Amino acid sequence: MSKNLSFNLKDLRLKVKKLLSVLVKHVTFIALMVVLVTYLFVVWRISQLAGAEPPAADDTVTSAIPKVDKNAINQIQALEQSNAEVKSFFNSARNNPFSE
């Protein structure tokens, strides 16, 4: 049961050269197959996701509606009314919105 474990570098080089010559000969086929497999995976994944059902909606999680403080609204309106330049700008924009 003794095996010859000697490592011959010349034999290895010959085997690598043979393998490289076969790979170079078929590189376009290998590249085409890689592209095809990638394309098939993408199509399969799209069809899988297209048929998927959405998860059940959890009633405890609702979309957060932002709350605006009434004091902030009143303060903004008071500032708008007190500033004559801004008020005239808003009025002119309302009358002719396309003027520059």
PDB file of N, CA and C in Angstrom:
ATOM      1  N   MET A   1       0.819  -1.190   0.000  1.00  0.00           N
ATOM      2  CA  MET A   1       0.000   0.000   0.000  1.00  0.00           C
ATOM      3  C   MET A   1       0.864   1.256   0.000  1.00  0.00           C
ATOM      4  N   SER A   2       2.013   1.118  -0.540  1.00  0.00           N
ATOM      5  CA  SER A   2       2.866   2.294  -0.628  1.00  0.00           C
ATOM      6  C   SER A   2       2.599   2.995  -1.947  1.00  0.00           C
ATOM      7  N   LYS A   3       2.424   4.288  -1.847  1.00  0.00           N
ATOM      8  CA  LYS A   3       2.176   5.098  -3.031  1.00  0.00           C
ATOM      9  C   LYS A   3       3.386   5.978  -3.265  1.00  0.00           C
ATOM     10  N   ASN A   4       3.603   6.252  -4.513  1.00  0.00           N
ATOM     11  CA  ASN A   4       4.701   7.119  -4.868  1.00  0.00           C
ATOM     12  C   ASN A   4       4.186   8.551  -4.764  1.00  0.00           C
ATOM     13  N   LEU A   5       4.646   9.254  -3.765  1.00  0.00           N
ATOM     14  CA  LEU A   5       4.189  10.619  -3.530  1.00  0.00           C
ATOM     15  C   LEU A   5       5.174  11.649  -4.044  1.00  0.00           C
ATOM     16  N   SER A   6       6.029  11.244  -4.931  1.00  0.00           N
ATOM     17  CA  SER A   6       6.983  12.198  -5.462  1.00  0.00           C
ATOM     18  C   SER A   6       6.242  13.217  -6.330  1.00  0.00           C
ATOM     19  N   PHE A   7       6.716  14.400  -6.271  1.00  0.00           N
ATOM     20  CA  PHE A   7       6.070  15.513  -6.956  1.00  0.00           C
ATOM     21  C   PHE A   7       6.957  15.925  -8.115  1.00  0.00           C
ATOM     22  N   ASN A   8       6.496  15.640  -9.303  1.00  0.00           N
ATOM     23  CA  ASN A   8       7.282  15.948 -10.486  1.00  0.00           C
ATOM     24  C   ASN A   8       6.731  17.232 -11.105  1.00  0.00           C
ATOM     25  N   LEU A   9       7.538  18.262 -11.122  1.00  0.00           N
ATOM     26  CA  LEU A   9       7.112  19.568 -11.605  1.00  0.00           C
ATOM     27  C   LEU A   9       6.912  19.576 -13.114  1.00  0.00           C
ATOM     28  N   LYS A  10       7.695  18.805 -13.835  1.00  0.00           N
ATOM     29  CA  LYS A  10       7.559  18.770 -15.291  1.00  0.00           C
ATOM     30  C   LYS A  10       6.238  18.143 -15.710  1.00  0.00           C
ATOM     31  N   ASP A  11       5.831  17.092 -15.022  1.00  0.00           N
ATOM     32  CA  ASP A  11       4.544  16.462 -15.334  1.00  0.00           C
ATOM     33  C   ASP A  11       3.383  17.415 -15.033  1.00  0.00           C
ATOM     34  N   LEU A  12       3.531  18.138 -13.964  1.00  0.00           N
ATOM     35  CA  LEU A  12       2.488  19.091 -13.597  1.00  0.00           C
ATOM     36  C   LEU A  12       2.372  20.200 -14.634  1.00  0.00           C
ATOM     37  N   ARG A  13       3.491  20.681 -15.128  1.00  0.00           N
ATOM     38  CA  ARG A  13       3.476  21.734 -16.151  1.00  0.00           C
ATOM     39  C   ARG A  13       2.815  21.234 -17.434  1.00  0.00           C
ATOM     40  N   LEU A  14       3.105  20.004 -17.809  1.00  0.00           N
ATOM     41  CA  LEU A  14       2.485  19.439 -19.008  1.00  0.00           C
ATOM     42  C   LEU A  14       0.972  19.318 -18.857  1.00  0.00           C
ATOM     43  N   LYS A  15       0.537  18.886 -17.694  1.00  0.00           N
ATOM     44  CA  LYS A  15      -0.903  18.755 -17.452  1.00  0.00           C
ATOM     45  C   LYS A  15      -1.590  20.119 -17.451  1.00  0.00           C
ATOM     46  N   VAL A  16      -0.928  21.121 -16.867  1.00  0.00           N
ATOM     47  CA  VAL A  16      -1.498  22.472 -16.836  1.00  0.00           C
ATOM     48  C   VAL A  16      -1.573  23.045 -18.250  1.00  0.00           C
ATOM     49  N   LYS A  17      -0.546  22.795 -19.064  1.00  0.00           N
ATOM     50  CA  LYS A  17      -0.560  23.280 -20.447  1.00  0.00           C
ATOM     51  C   LYS A  17      -1.692  22.639 -21.246  1.00  0.00           C
ATOM     52  N   LYS A  18      -1.915  21.336 -21.053  1.00  0.00           N
ATOM     53  CA  LYS A  18      -3.012  20.664 -21.736  1.00  0.00           C
ATOM     54  C   LYS A  18      -4.357  21.249 -21.310  1.00  0.00           C
ATOM     55  N   LEU A  19      -4.493  21.466 -20.015  1.00  0.00           N
ATOM     56  CA  LEU A  19      -5.746  22.020 -19.493  1.00  0.00           C
ATOM     57  C   LEU A  19      -5.981  23.432 -20.021  1.00  0.00           C
ATOM     58  N   LEU A  20      -4.941  24.250 -20.066  1.00  0.00           N
ATOM     59  CA  LEU A  20      -5.070  25.607 -20.581  1.00  0.00           C
ATOM     60  C   LEU A  20      -5.405  25.621 -22.064  1.00  0.00           C
ATOM     61  N   SER A  21      -4.831  24.710 -22.819  1.00  0.00           N
ATOM     62  CA  SER A  21      -5.139  24.665 -24.251  1.00  0.00           C
ATOM     63  C   SER A  21      -6.600  24.300 -24.488  1.00  0.00           C
ATOM     64  N   VAL A  22      -7.126  23.396 -23.676  1.00  0.00           N
ATOM     65  CA  VAL A  22      -8.545  23.036 -23.793  1.00  0.00           C
ATOM     66  C   VAL A  22      -9.420  24.220 -23.374  1.00  0.00           C
ATOM     67  N   LEU A  23      -9.047  24.900 -22.302  1.00  0.00           N
ATOM     68  CA  LEU A  23      -9.842  26.038 -21.838  1.00  0.00           C
ATOM     69  C   LEU A  23      -9.819  27.188 -22.838  1.00  0.00           C
ATOM     70  N   VAL A  24      -8.671  27.462 -23.416  1.00  0.00           N
ATOM     71  CA  VAL A  24      -8.564  28.546 -24.402  1.00  0.00           C
ATOM     72  C   VAL A  24      -9.402  28.217 -25.632  1.00  0.00           C
ATOM     73  N   LYS A  25      -9.426  26.974 -26.007  1.00  0.00           N
ATOM     74  CA  LYS A  25     -10.177  26.551 -27.175  1.00  0.00           C
ATOM     75  C   LYS A  25     -11.693  26.759 -26.953  1.00  0.00           C
ATOM     76  N   HIS A  26     -12.141  26.605 -25.719  1.00  0.00           N
ATOM     77  CA  HIS A  26     -13.573  26.660 -25.421  1.00  0.00           C
ATOM     78  C   HIS A  26     -13.960  27.877 -24.564  1.00  0.00           C
ATOM     79  N   VAL A  27     -13.160  28.922 -24.581  1.00  0.00           N
ATOM     80  CA  VAL A  27     -13.430  30.071 -23.710  1.00  0.00           C
ATOM     81  C   VAL A  27     -14.727  30.782 -24.104  1.00  0.00           C
ATOM     82  N   THR A  28     -15.033  30.870 -25.394  1.00  0.00           N
ATOM     83  CA  THR A  28     -16.276  31.546 -25.791  1.00  0.00           C
ATOM     84  C   THR A  28     -17.495  30.746 -25.344  1.00  0.00           C
ATOM     85  N   PHE A  29     -17.408  29.430 -25.460  1.00  0.00           N
ATOM     86  CA  PHE A  29     -18.515  28.593 -25.003  1.00  0.00           C
ATOM     87  C   PHE A  29     -18.705  28.718 -23.490  1.00  0.00           C
ATOM     88  N   ILE A  30     -17.631  28.722 -22.752  1.00  0.00           N
ATOM     89  CA  ILE A  30     -17.707  28.843 -21.290  1.00  0.00           C
ATOM     90  C   ILE A  30     -18.299  30.196 -20.903  1.00  0.00           C
ATOM     91  N   ALA A  31     -17.856  31.263 -21.568  1.00  0.00           N
ATOM     92  CA  ALA A  31     -18.385  32.596 -21.274  1.00  0.00           C
ATOM     93  C   ALA A  31     -19.868  32.670 -21.614  1.00  0.00           C
ATOM     94  N   LEU A  32     -20.260  32.092 -22.730  1.00  0.00           N
ATOM     95  CA  LEU A  32     -21.663  32.079 -23.127  1.00  0.00           C
ATOM     96  C   LEU A  32     -22.513  31.315 -22.110  1.00  0.00           C
ATOM     97  N   MET A  33     -22.000  30.218 -21.631  1.00  0.00           N
ATOM     98  CA  MET A  33     -22.737  29.434 -20.631  1.00  0.00           C
ATOM     99  C   MET A  33     -22.881  30.201 -19.316  1.00  0.00           C
ATOM    100  N   VAL A  34     -21.844  30.924 -18.916  1.00  0.00           N
ATOM    101  CA  VAL A  34     -21.926  31.727 -17.689  1.00  0.00           C
ATOM    102  C   VAL A  34     -22.991  32.805 -17.839  1.00  0.00           C
ATOM    103  N   VAL A  35     -23.019  33.477 -18.987  1.00  0.00           N
ATOM    104  CA  VAL A  35     -24.034  34.514 -19.229  1.00  0.00           C
ATOM    105  C   VAL A  35     -25.421  33.894 -19.248  1.00  0.00           C
ATOM    106  N   LEU A  36     -25.567  32.762 -19.886  1.00  0.00           N
ATOM    107  CA  LEU A  36     -26.863  32.088 -19.954  1.00  0.00           C
ATOM    108  C   LEU A  36     -27.358  31.673 -18.577  1.00  0.00           C
ATOM    109  N   VAL A  37     -26.488  31.100 -17.775  1.00  0.00           N
ATOM    110  CA  VAL A  37     -26.880  30.683 -16.418  1.00  0.00           C
ATOM    111  C   VAL A  37     -27.268  31.901 -15.576  1.00  0.00           C
ATOM    112  N   THR A  38     -26.527  32.998 -15.728  1.00  0.00           N
ATOM    113  CA  THR A  38     -26.868  34.225 -14.999  1.00  0.00           C
ATOM    114  C   THR A  38     -28.229  34.744 -15.438  1.00  0.00           C
ATOM    115  N   TYR A  39     -28.481  34.752 -16.745  1.00  0.00           N
ATOM    116  CA  TYR A  39     -29.763  35.218 -17.273  1.00  0.00           C
ATOM    117  C   TYR A  39     -30.904  34.335 -16.769  1.00  0.00           C
ATOM    118  N   LEU A  40     -30.710  33.031 -16.798  1.00  0.00           N
ATOM    119  CA  LEU A  40     -31.748  32.126 -16.301  1.00  0.00           C
ATOM    120  C   LEU A  40     -32.015  32.337 -14.816  1.00  0.00           C
ATOM    121  N   PHE A  41     -30.980  32.580 -14.049  1.00  0.00           N
ATOM    122  CA  PHE A  41     -31.177  32.841 -12.626  1.00  0.00           C
ATOM    123  C   PHE A  41     -31.983  34.114 -12.405  1.00  0.00           C
ATOM    124  N   VAL A  42     -31.677  35.166 -13.167  1.00  0.00           N
ATOM    125  CA  VAL A  42     -32.412  36.426 -13.017  1.00  0.00           C
ATOM    126  C   VAL A  42     -33.874  36.242 -13.397  1.00  0.00           C
ATOM    127  N   VAL A  43     -34.144  35.547 -14.496  1.00  0.00           N
ATOM    128  CA  VAL A  43     -35.530  35.306 -14.909  1.00  0.00           C
ATOM    129  C   VAL A  43     -36.261  34.469 -13.870  1.00  0.00           C
ATOM    130  N   TRP A  44     -35.619  33.456 -13.360  1.00  0.00           N
ATOM    131  CA  TRP A  44     -36.248  32.614 -12.331  1.00  0.00           C
ATOM    132  C   TRP A  44     -36.555  33.436 -11.077  1.00  0.00           C
ATOM    133  N   ARG A  45     -35.622  34.292 -10.677  1.00  0.00           N
ATOM    134  CA  ARG A  45     -35.817  35.104  -9.463  1.00  0.00           C
ATOM    135  C   ARG A  45     -36.942  36.121  -9.671  1.00  0.00           C
ATOM    136  N   ILE A  46     -37.024  36.717 -10.854  1.00  0.00           N
ATOM    137  CA  ILE A  46     -38.098  37.669 -11.137  1.00  0.00           C
ATOM    138  C   ILE A  46     -39.446  36.970 -11.106  1.00  0.00           C
ATOM    139  N   SER A  47     -39.528  35.793 -11.720  1.00  0.00           N
ATOM    140  CA  SER A  47     -40.801  35.076 -11.710  1.00  0.00           C
ATOM    141  C   SER A  47     -41.172  34.628 -10.301  1.00  0.00           C
ATOM    142  N   GLN A  48     -40.189  34.304  -9.507  1.00  0.00           N
ATOM    143  CA  GLN A  48     -40.451  33.911  -8.124  1.00  0.00           C
ATOM    144  C   GLN A  48     -40.970  35.096  -7.319  1.00  0.00           C
ATOM    145  N   LEU A  49     -40.365  36.268  -7.505  1.00  0.00           N
ATOM    146  CA  LEU A  49     -40.799  37.451  -6.767  1.00  0.00           C
ATOM    147  C   LEU A  49     -42.123  37.995  -7.281  1.00  0.00           C
ATOM    148  N   ALA A  50     -42.418  37.802  -8.568  1.00  0.00           N
ATOM    149  CA  ALA A  50     -43.672  38.289  -9.126  1.00  0.00           C
ATOM    150  C   ALA A  50     -44.858  37.520  -8.566  1.00  0.00           C
ATOM    151  N   GLY A  51     -44.670  36.264  -8.260  1.00  0.00           N
ATOM    152  CA  GLY A  51     -45.761  35.449  -7.735  1.00  0.00           C
ATOM    153  C   GLY A  51     -45.841  35.443  -6.220  1.00  0.00           C
ATOM    154  N   ALA A  52     -44.943  36.132  -5.565  1.00  0.00           N
ATOM    155  CA  ALA A  52     -44.919  36.117  -4.100  1.00  0.00           C
ATOM    156  C   ALA A  52     -46.040  36.971  -3.538  1.00  0.00           C
ATOM    157  N   GLU A  53     -46.611  36.516  -2.477  1.00  0.00           N
ATOM    158  CA  GLU A  53     -47.651  37.272  -1.776  1.00  0.00           C
ATOM    159  C   GLU A  53     -46.995  38.223  -0.786  1.00  0.00           C
ATOM    160  N   PRO A  54     -47.575  39.400  -0.619  1.00  0.00           N
ATOM    161  CA  PRO A  54     -47.012  40.322   0.372  1.00  0.00           C
ATOM    162  C   PRO A  54     -47.234  39.780   1.775  1.00  0.00           C
ATOM    163  N   PRO A  55     -46.371  40.136   2.689  1.00  0.00           N
ATOM    164  CA  PRO A  55     -46.554  39.654   4.062  1.00  0.00           C
ATOM    165  C   PRO A  55     -47.817  40.252   4.671  1.00  0.00           C
ATOM    166  N   ALA A  56     -48.365  39.542   5.633  1.00  0.00           N
ATOM    167  CA  ALA A  56     -49.576  40.011   6.296  1.00  0.00           C
ATOM    168  C   ALA A  56     -49.290  41.326   7.008  1.00  0.00           C
ATOM    169  N   ALA A  57     -50.199  42.271   6.825  1.00  0.00           N
ATOM    170  CA  ALA A  57     -50.009  43.590   7.429  1.00  0.00           C
ATOM    171  C   ALA A  57     -50.229  43.489   8.932  1.00  0.00           C
ATOM    172  N   ASP A  58     -49.302  44.028   9.672  1.00  0.00           N
ATOM    173  CA  ASP A  58     -49.417  44.044  11.125  1.00  0.00           C
ATOM    174  C   ASP A  58     -50.204  45.282  11.519  1.00  0.00           C
ATOM    175  N   ASP A  59     -51.306  45.097  12.245  1.00  0.00           N
ATOM    176  CA  ASP A  59     -52.170  46.222  12.610  1.00  0.00           C
ATOM    177  C   ASP A  59     -51.513  47.169  13.598  1.00  0.00           C
ATOM    178  N   THR A  60     -50.522  46.682  14.338  1.00  0.00           N
ATOM    179  CA  THR A  60     -49.889  47.548  15.328  1.00  0.00           C
ATOM    180  C   THR A  60     -48.931  48.534  14.678  1.00  0.00           C
ATOM    181  N   VAL A  61     -48.431  48.195  13.497  1.00  0.00           N
ATOM    182  CA  VAL A  61     -47.498  49.080  12.806  1.00  0.00           C
ATOM    183  C   VAL A  61     -48.280  49.900  11.793  1.00  0.00           C
ATOM    184  N   THR A  62     -48.370  51.182  12.021  1.00  0.00           N
ATOM    185  CA  THR A  62     -49.049  52.075  11.094  1.00  0.00           C
ATOM    186  C   THR A  62     -48.061  53.119  10.621  1.00  0.00           C
ATOM    187  N   SER A  63     -48.366  53.706   9.491  1.00  0.00           N
ATOM    188  CA  SER A  63     -47.470  54.743   8.995  1.00  0.00           C
ATOM    189  C   SER A  63     -47.590  55.963   9.889  1.00  0.00           C
ATOM    190  N   ALA A  64     -46.466  56.521  10.213  1.00  0.00           N
ATOM    191  CA  ALA A  64     -46.426  57.660  11.122  1.00  0.00           C
ATOM    192  C   ALA A  64     -46.826  58.925  10.369  1.00  0.00           C
ATOM    193  N   ILE A  65     -47.885  59.543  10.816  1.00  0.00           N
ATOM    194  CA  ILE A  65     -48.346  60.799  10.230  1.00  0.00           C
ATOM    195  C   ILE A  65     -47.728  61.920  11.059  1.00  0.00           C
ATOM    196  N   PRO A  66     -46.986  62.792  10.395  1.00  0.00           N
ATOM    197  CA  PRO A  66     -46.335  63.849  11.171  1.00  0.00           C
ATOM    198  C   PRO A  66     -47.370  64.811  11.754  1.00  0.00           C
ATOM    199  N   LYS A  67     -47.167  65.180  12.979  1.00  0.00           N
ATOM    200  CA  LYS A  67     -48.043  66.128  13.676  1.00  0.00           C
ATOM    201  C   LYS A  67     -47.350  67.486  13.684  1.00  0.00           C
ATOM    202  N   VAL A  68     -48.094  68.509  13.291  1.00  0.00           N
ATOM    203  CA  VAL A  68     -47.564  69.861  13.285  1.00  0.00           C
ATOM    204  C   VAL A  68     -48.176  70.597  14.475  1.00  0.00           C
ATOM    205  N   ASP A  69     -47.292  71.179  15.232  1.00  0.00           N
ATOM    206  CA  ASP A  69     -47.721  71.897  16.432  1.00  0.00           C
ATOM    207  C   ASP A  69     -48.525  73.134  16.031  1.00  0.00           C
ATOM    208  N   LYS A  70     -49.664  73.338  16.703  1.00  0.00           N
ATOM    209  CA  LYS A  70     -50.523  74.495  16.409  1.00  0.00           C
ATOM    210  C   LYS A  70     -49.791  75.806  16.666  1.00  0.00           C
ATOM    211  N   ASN A  71     -48.956  75.856  17.693  1.00  0.00           N
ATOM    212  CA  ASN A  71     -48.197  77.077  17.979  1.00  0.00           C
ATOM    213  C   ASN A  71     -47.243  77.408  16.841  1.00  0.00           C
ATOM    214  N   ALA A  72     -46.636  76.388  16.244  1.00  0.00           N
ATOM    215  CA  ALA A  72     -45.723  76.613  15.128  1.00  0.00           C
ATOM    216  C   ALA A  72     -46.476  77.151  13.919  1.00  0.00           C
ATOM    217  N   ILE A  73     -47.673  76.635  13.663  1.00  0.00           N
ATOM    218  CA  ILE A  73     -48.487  77.126  12.545  1.00  0.00           C
ATOM    219  C   ILE A  73     -48.860  78.582  12.770  1.00  0.00           C
ATOM    220  N   ASN A  74     -49.295  78.888  13.971  1.00  0.00           N
ATOM    221  CA  ASN A  74     -49.676  80.274  14.282  1.00  0.00           C
ATOM    222  C   ASN A  74     -48.474  81.209  14.168  1.00  0.00           C
ATOM    223  N   GLN A  75     -47.312  80.775  14.603  1.00  0.00           N
ATOM    224  CA  GLN A  75     -46.113  81.611  14.536  1.00  0.00           C
ATOM    225  C   GLN A  75     -45.706  81.852  13.083  1.00  0.00           C
ATOM    226  N   ILE A  76     -45.779  80.843  12.243  1.00  0.00           N
ATOM    227  CA  ILE A  76     -45.432  81.005  10.827  1.00  0.00           C
ATOM    228  C   ILE A  76     -46.404  81.952  10.146  1.00  0.00           C
ATOM    229  N   GLN A  77     -47.686  81.809  10.446  1.00  0.00           N
ATOM    230  CA  GLN A  77     -48.672  82.705   9.850  1.00  0.00           C
ATOM    231  C   GLN A  77     -48.483  84.139  10.334  1.00  0.00           C
ATOM    232  N   ALA A  78     -48.149  84.312  11.597  1.00  0.00           N
ATOM    233  CA  ALA A  78     -47.917  85.662  12.124  1.00  0.00           C
ATOM    234  C   ALA A  78     -46.688  86.292  11.467  1.00  0.00           C
ATOM    235  N   LEU A  79     -45.633  85.521  11.265  1.00  0.00           N
ATOM    236  CA  LEU A  79     -44.441  86.050  10.597  1.00  0.00           C
ATOM    237  C   LEU A  79     -44.739  86.407   9.143  1.00  0.00           C
ATOM    238  N   GLU A  80     -45.536  85.603   8.488  1.00  0.00           N
ATOM    239  CA  GLU A  80     -45.894  85.893   7.102  1.00  0.00           C
ATOM    240  C   GLU A  80     -46.706  87.175   7.004  1.00  0.00           C
ATOM    241  N   GLN A  81     -47.613  87.383   7.921  1.00  0.00           N
ATOM    242  CA  GLN A  81     -48.463  88.573   7.887  1.00  0.00           C
ATOM    243  C   GLN A  81     -47.706  89.826   8.316  1.00  0.00           C
ATOM    244  N   SER A  82     -46.720  89.684   9.180  1.00  0.00           N
ATOM    245  CA  SER A  82     -46.002  90.855   9.655  1.00  0.00           C
ATOM    246  C   SER A  82     -44.949  91.354   8.669  1.00  0.00           C
ATOM    247  N   ASN A  83     -44.439  90.507   7.825  1.00  0.00           N
ATOM    248  CA  ASN A  83     -43.404  90.908   6.883  1.00  0.00           C
ATOM    249  C   ASN A  83     -44.067  91.325   5.573  1.00  0.00           C
ATOM    250  N   ALA A  84     -44.040  92.625   5.262  1.00  0.00           N
ATOM    251  CA  ALA A  84     -44.726  93.166   4.095  1.00  0.00           C
ATOM    252  C   ALA A  84     -44.075  92.699   2.794  1.00  0.00           C
ATOM    253  N   GLU A  85     -42.754  92.558   2.787  1.00  0.00           N
ATOM    254  CA  GLU A  85     -42.059  92.144   1.565  1.00  0.00           C
ATOM    255  C   GLU A  85     -42.433  90.713   1.184  1.00  0.00           C
ATOM    256  N   VAL A  86     -42.484  89.834   2.151  1.00  0.00           N
ATOM    257  CA  VAL A  86     -42.855  88.456   1.889  1.00  0.00           C
ATOM    258  C   VAL A  86     -44.310  88.373   1.481  1.00  0.00           C
ATOM    259  N   LYS A  87     -45.160  89.173   2.130  1.00  0.00           N
ATOM    260  CA  LYS A  87     -46.584  89.176   1.808  1.00  0.00           C
ATOM    261  C   LYS A  87     -46.799  89.631   0.367  1.00  0.00           C
ATOM    262  N   SER A  88     -46.091  90.676  -0.062  1.00  0.00           N
ATOM    263  CA  SER A  88     -46.238  91.145  -1.440  1.00  0.00           C
ATOM    264  C   SER A  88     -45.677  90.115  -2.422  1.00  0.00           C
ATOM    265  N   PHE A  89     -44.625  89.405  -2.024  1.00  0.00           N
ATOM    266  CA  PHE A  89     -44.059  88.359  -2.878  1.00  0.00           C
ATOM    267  C   PHE A  89     -45.066  87.236  -3.074  1.00  0.00           C
ATOM    268  N   PHE A  90     -45.722  86.805  -1.999  1.00  0.00           N
ATOM    269  CA  PHE A  90     -46.719  85.743  -2.099  1.00  0.00           C
ATOM    270  C   PHE A  90     -47.913  86.199  -2.933  1.00  0.00           C
ATOM    271  N   ASN A  91     -48.361  87.427  -2.738  1.00  0.00           N
ATOM    272  CA  ASN A  91     -49.511  87.925  -3.496  1.00  0.00           C
ATOM    273  C   ASN A  91     -49.179  88.013  -4.982  1.00  0.00           C
ATOM    274  N   SER A  92     -47.991  88.506  -5.339  1.00  0.00           N
ATOM    275  CA  SER A  92     -47.626  88.603  -6.749  1.00  0.00           C
ATOM    276  C   SER A  92     -47.445  87.216  -7.361  1.00  0.00           C
ATOM    277  N   ALA A  93     -46.957  86.273  -6.606  1.00  0.00           N
ATOM    278  CA  ALA A  93     -46.801  84.907  -7.110  1.00  0.00           C
ATOM    279  C   ALA A  93     -48.150  84.247  -7.309  1.00  0.00           C
ATOM    280  N   ARG A  94     -49.112  84.596  -6.493  1.00  0.00           N
ATOM    281  CA  ARG A  94     -50.459  84.035  -6.671  1.00  0.00           C
ATOM    282  C   ARG A  94     -51.134  84.618  -7.904  1.00  0.00           C
ATOM    283  N   ASN A  95     -50.905  85.900  -8.155  1.00  0.00           N
ATOM    284  CA  ASN A  95     -51.554  86.554  -9.290  1.00  0.00           C
ATOM    285  C   ASN A  95     -50.934  86.134 -10.617  1.00  0.00           C
ATOM    286  N   ASN A  96     -49.613  86.011 -10.689  1.00  0.00           N
ATOM    287  CA  ASN A  96     -48.934  85.627 -11.910  1.00  0.00           C
ATOM    288  C   ASN A  96     -47.809  84.641 -11.563  1.00  0.00           C
ATOM    289  N   PRO A  97     -48.111  83.341 -11.513  1.00  0.00           N
ATOM    290  CA  PRO A  97     -47.119  82.374 -11.053  1.00  0.00           C
ATOM    291  C   PRO A  97     -45.978  82.135 -12.050  1.00  0.00           C
ATOM    292  N   PHE A  98     -46.132  82.557 -13.305  1.00  0.00           N
ATOM    293  CA  PHE A  98     -45.098  82.279 -14.309  1.00  0.00           C
ATOM    294  C   PHE A  98     -44.183  83.452 -14.564  1.00  0.00           C
ATOM    295  N   SER A  99     -44.332  84.522 -13.813  1.00  0.00           N
ATOM    296  CA  SER A  99     -43.436  85.657 -14.000  1.00  0.00           C
ATOM    297  C   SER A  99     -42.134  85.412 -13.271  1.00  0.00           C
ATOM    298  N   GLU A 100     -41.081  86.022 -13.789  1.00  0.00           N
ATOM    299  CA  GLU A 100     -39.780  85.845 -13.143  1.00  0.00           C
ATOM    300  C   GLU A 100     -39.308  87.140 -12.532  1.00  0.00           C
TER     301      GLU A 100
END
